[in-house]
Amino acid sequence: MGKGDKKTKRGKIANNSYGARRPKKIKRKLTVEEKIKVGKKK
């Protein structure tokens, strides 16, 4: 378990790759306030 292990986060960083352990972008859910703002456009 280290830099040579492709399944760990440290291994992904060492291998310059992405995956389940090291996602490229974090998906964030919209809050209720943001949903209301999107619906009302004046």
PDB file of N, CA and C in Angstrom:
ATOM      1  N   MET A   1       0.846  -1.185   0.000  1.00  0.00           N
ATOM      2  CA  MET A   1       0.000   0.000   0.000  1.00  0.00           C
ATOM      3  C   MET A   1       0.886   1.241   0.000  1.00  0.00           C
ATOM      4  N   GLY A   2       0.993   1.848  -1.139  1.00  0.00           N
ATOM      5  CA  GLY A   2       1.808   3.044  -1.223  1.00  0.00           C
ATOM      6  C   GLY A   2       1.764   3.631  -2.610  1.00  0.00           C
ATOM      7  N   LYS A   3       2.860   4.203  -3.018  1.00  0.00           N
ATOM      8  CA  LYS A   3       2.935   4.875  -4.316  1.00  0.00           C
ATOM      9  C   LYS A   3       2.776   3.915  -5.489  1.00  0.00           C
ATOM     10  N   GLY A   4       3.125   2.650  -5.306  1.00  0.00           N
ATOM     11  CA  GLY A   4       3.017   1.674  -6.387  1.00  0.00           C
ATOM     12  C   GLY A   4       1.630   1.067  -6.526  1.00  0.00           C
ATOM     13  N   ASP A   5       0.795   1.252  -5.499  1.00  0.00           N
ATOM     14  CA  ASP A   5      -0.545   0.661  -5.507  1.00  0.00           C
ATOM     15  C   ASP A   5      -1.498   1.560  -6.276  1.00  0.00           C
ATOM     16  N   LYS A   6      -1.996   1.096  -7.407  1.00  0.00           N
ATOM     17  CA  LYS A   6      -2.848   1.901  -8.284  1.00  0.00           C
ATOM     18  C   LYS A   6      -4.234   2.149  -7.708  1.00  0.00           C
ATOM     19  N   LYS A   7      -4.627   1.356  -6.707  1.00  0.00           N
ATOM     20  CA  LYS A   7      -5.973   1.484  -6.148  1.00  0.00           C
ATOM     21  C   LYS A   7      -6.074   2.508  -5.020  1.00  0.00           C
ATOM     22  N   THR A   8      -4.934   3.005  -4.530  1.00  0.00           N
ATOM     23  CA  THR A   8      -4.979   3.962  -3.429  1.00  0.00           C
ATOM     24  C   THR A   8      -4.842   5.391  -3.948  1.00  0.00           C
ATOM     25  N   LYS A   9      -5.238   6.330  -3.121  1.00  0.00           N
ATOM     26  CA  LYS A   9      -5.154   7.742  -3.498  1.00  0.00           C
ATOM     27  C   LYS A   9      -3.710   8.157  -3.767  1.00  0.00           C
ATOM     28  N   ARG A  10      -2.809   7.689  -2.930  1.00  0.00           N
ATOM     29  CA  ARG A  10      -1.385   8.019  -3.084  1.00  0.00           C
ATOM     30  C   ARG A  10      -0.842   7.440  -4.385  1.00  0.00           C
ATOM     31  N   GLY A  11      -1.286   6.238  -4.737  1.00  0.00           N
ATOM     32  CA  GLY A  11      -0.873   5.608  -5.982  1.00  0.00           C
ATOM     33  C   GLY A  11      -1.406   6.349  -7.199  1.00  0.00           C
ATOM     34  N   LYS A  12      -2.635   6.862  -7.088  1.00  0.00           N
ATOM     35  CA  LYS A  12      -3.235   7.643  -8.178  1.00  0.00           C
ATOM     36  C   LYS A  12      -2.441   8.930  -8.390  1.00  0.00           C
ATOM     37  N   ILE A  13      -2.061   9.584  -7.304  1.00  0.00           N
ATOM     38  CA  ILE A  13      -1.279  10.822  -7.399  1.00  0.00           C
ATOM     39  C   ILE A  13       0.078  10.531  -8.025  1.00  0.00           C
ATOM     40  N   ALA A  14       0.727   9.451  -7.624  1.00  0.00           N
ATOM     41  CA  ALA A  14       2.039   9.087  -8.155  1.00  0.00           C
ATOM     42  C   ALA A  14       1.961   8.712  -9.633  1.00  0.00           C
ATOM     43  N   ASN A  15       0.830   8.096 -10.031  1.00  0.00           N
ATOM     44  CA  ASN A  15       0.636   7.638 -11.414  1.00  0.00           C
ATOM     45  C   ASN A  15      -0.002   8.709 -12.298  1.00  0.00           C
ATOM     46  N   ASN A  16      -0.335   9.862 -11.716  1.00  0.00           N
ATOM     47  CA  ASN A  16      -1.013  10.963 -12.422  1.00  0.00           C
ATOM     48  C   ASN A  16      -2.309  10.495 -13.076  1.00  0.00           C
ATOM     49  N   SER A  17      -3.132   9.751 -12.321  1.00  0.00           N
ATOM     50  CA  SER A  17      -4.407   9.280 -12.841  1.00  0.00           C
ATOM     51  C   SER A  17      -5.513   9.592 -11.834  1.00  0.00           C
ATOM     52  N   TYR A  18      -6.739   9.427 -12.299  1.00  0.00           N
ATOM     53  CA  TYR A  18      -7.905   9.692 -11.466  1.00  0.00           C
ATOM     54  C   TYR A  18      -8.786   8.454 -11.419  1.00  0.00           C
ATOM     55  N   GLY A  19      -9.686   8.418 -10.450  1.00  0.00           N
ATOM     56  CA  GLY A  19     -10.591   7.284 -10.306  1.00  0.00           C
ATOM     57  C   GLY A  19     -11.512   7.495  -9.123  1.00  0.00           C
ATOM     58  N   ALA A  20     -12.058   6.400  -8.591  1.00  0.00           N
ATOM     59  CA  ALA A  20     -13.003   6.479  -7.478  1.00  0.00           C
ATOM     60  C   ALA A  20     -12.333   7.038  -6.227  1.00  0.00           C
ATOM     61  N   ARG A  21     -11.074   6.689  -6.004  1.00  0.00           N
ATOM     62  CA  ARG A  21     -10.355   7.145  -4.804  1.00  0.00           C
ATOM     63  C   ARG A  21      -9.858   8.580  -4.957  1.00  0.00           C
ATOM     64  N   ARG A  22      -9.733   9.037  -6.213  1.00  0.00           N
ATOM     65  CA  ARG A  22      -9.226  10.389  -6.475  1.00  0.00           C
ATOM     66  C   ARG A  22     -10.028  11.005  -7.617  1.00  0.00           C
ATOM     67  N   PRO A  23     -11.243  11.486  -7.310  1.00  0.00           N
ATOM     68  CA  PRO A  23     -12.072  12.069  -8.366  1.00  0.00           C
ATOM     69  C   PRO A  23     -11.527  13.403  -8.846  1.00  0.00           C
ATOM     70  N   LYS A  24     -11.804  13.741 -10.114  1.00  0.00           N
ATOM     71  CA  LYS A  24     -11.331  15.001 -10.684  1.00  0.00           C
ATOM     72  C   LYS A  24     -12.104  16.177 -10.116  1.00  0.00           C
ATOM     73  N   LYS A  25     -13.420  16.034 -10.045  1.00  0.00           N
ATOM     74  CA  LYS A  25     -14.257  17.134  -9.607  1.00  0.00           C
ATOM     75  C   LYS A  25     -15.265  16.621  -8.587  1.00  0.00           C
ATOM     76  N   ILE A  26     -15.481  17.394  -7.552  1.00  0.00           N
ATOM     77  CA  ILE A  26     -16.451  17.016  -6.534  1.00  0.00           C
ATOM     78  C   ILE A  26     -17.809  17.562  -6.948  1.00  0.00           C
ATOM     79  N   LYS A  27     -18.798  16.674  -7.091  1.00  0.00           N
ATOM     80  CA  LYS A  27     -20.144  17.096  -7.449  1.00  0.00           C
ATOM     81  C   LYS A  27     -20.853  17.535  -6.181  1.00  0.00           C
ATOM     82  N   ARG A  28     -21.430  18.736  -6.241  1.00  0.00           N
ATOM     83  CA  ARG A  28     -22.094  19.304  -5.074  1.00  0.00           C
ATOM     84  C   ARG A  28     -23.574  19.440  -5.373  1.00  0.00           C
ATOM     85  N   LYS A  29     -24.417  19.010  -4.443  1.00  0.00           N
ATOM     86  CA  LYS A  29     -25.859  19.135  -4.608  1.00  0.00           C
ATOM     87  C   LYS A  29     -26.272  20.583  -4.399  1.00  0.00           C
ATOM     88  N   LEU A  30     -27.277  21.030  -5.168  1.00  0.00           N
ATOM     89  CA  LEU A  30     -27.798  22.375  -5.003  1.00  0.00           C
ATOM     90  C   LEU A  30     -28.599  22.461  -3.711  1.00  0.00           C
ATOM     91  N   THR A  31     -28.478  23.611  -3.027  1.00  0.00           N
ATOM     92  CA  THR A  31     -29.257  23.819  -1.812  1.00  0.00           C
ATOM     93  C   THR A  31     -30.655  24.299  -2.196  1.00  0.00           C
ATOM     94  N   VAL A  32     -31.551  24.323  -1.247  1.00  0.00           N
ATOM     95  CA  VAL A  32     -32.928  24.756  -1.491  1.00  0.00           C
ATOM     96  C   VAL A  32     -32.951  26.211  -1.953  1.00  0.00           C
ATOM     97  N   GLU A  33     -32.109  27.044  -1.345  1.00  0.00           N
ATOM     98  CA  GLU A  33     -32.060  28.461  -1.711  1.00  0.00           C
ATOM     99  C   GLU A  33     -31.607  28.644  -3.161  1.00  0.00           C
ATOM    100  N   GLU A  34     -30.622  27.848  -3.586  1.00  0.00           N
ATOM    101  CA  GLU A  34     -30.120  27.932  -4.961  1.00  0.00           C
ATOM    102  C   GLU A  34     -31.177  27.463  -5.950  1.00  0.00           C
ATOM    103  N   LYS A  35     -31.948  26.452  -5.601  1.00  0.00           N
ATOM    104  CA  LYS A  35     -33.015  25.965  -6.478  1.00  0.00           C
ATOM    105  C   LYS A  35     -34.096  27.028  -6.652  1.00  0.00           C
ATOM    106  N   ILE A  36     -34.408  27.742  -5.573  1.00  0.00           N
ATOM    107  CA  ILE A  36     -35.421  28.795  -5.626  1.00  0.00           C
ATOM    108  C   ILE A  36     -34.931  29.954  -6.507  1.00  0.00           C
ATOM    109  N   LYS A  37     -33.647  30.305  -6.370  1.00  0.00           N
ATOM    110  CA  LYS A  37     -33.066  31.396  -7.171  1.00  0.00           C
ATOM    111  C   LYS A  37     -33.053  31.053  -8.652  1.00  0.00           C
ATOM    112  N   VAL A  38     -32.801  29.792  -8.986  1.00  0.00           N
ATOM    113  CA  VAL A  38     -32.775  29.352 -10.378  1.00  0.00           C
ATOM    114  C   VAL A  38     -34.174  29.459 -10.975  1.00  0.00           C
ATOM    115  N   GLY A  39     -35.179  29.126 -10.218  1.00  0.00           N
ATOM    116  CA  GLY A  39     -36.568  29.148 -10.695  1.00  0.00           C
ATOM    117  C   GLY A  39     -37.086  30.553 -10.947  1.00  0.00           C
ATOM    118  N   LYS A  40     -36.691  31.506 -10.114  1.00  0.00           N
ATOM    119  CA  LYS A  40     -37.170  32.899 -10.238  1.00  0.00           C
ATOM    120  C   LYS A  40     -36.143  33.749 -10.971  1.00  0.00           C
ATOM    121  N   LYS A  41     -36.491  34.112 -12.200  1.00  0.00           N
ATOM    122  CA  LYS A  41     -35.625  35.010 -12.963  1.00  0.00           C
ATOM    123  C   LYS A  41     -36.446  36.220 -13.355  1.00  0.00           C
ATOM    124  N   LYS A  42     -36.030  37.387 -12.887  1.00  0.00           N
ATOM    125  CA  LYS A  42     -36.758  38.631 -13.203  1.00  0.00           C
ATOM    126  C   LYS A  42     -35.843  39.615 -13.880  1.00  0.00           C
TER     127      LYS A  42
END
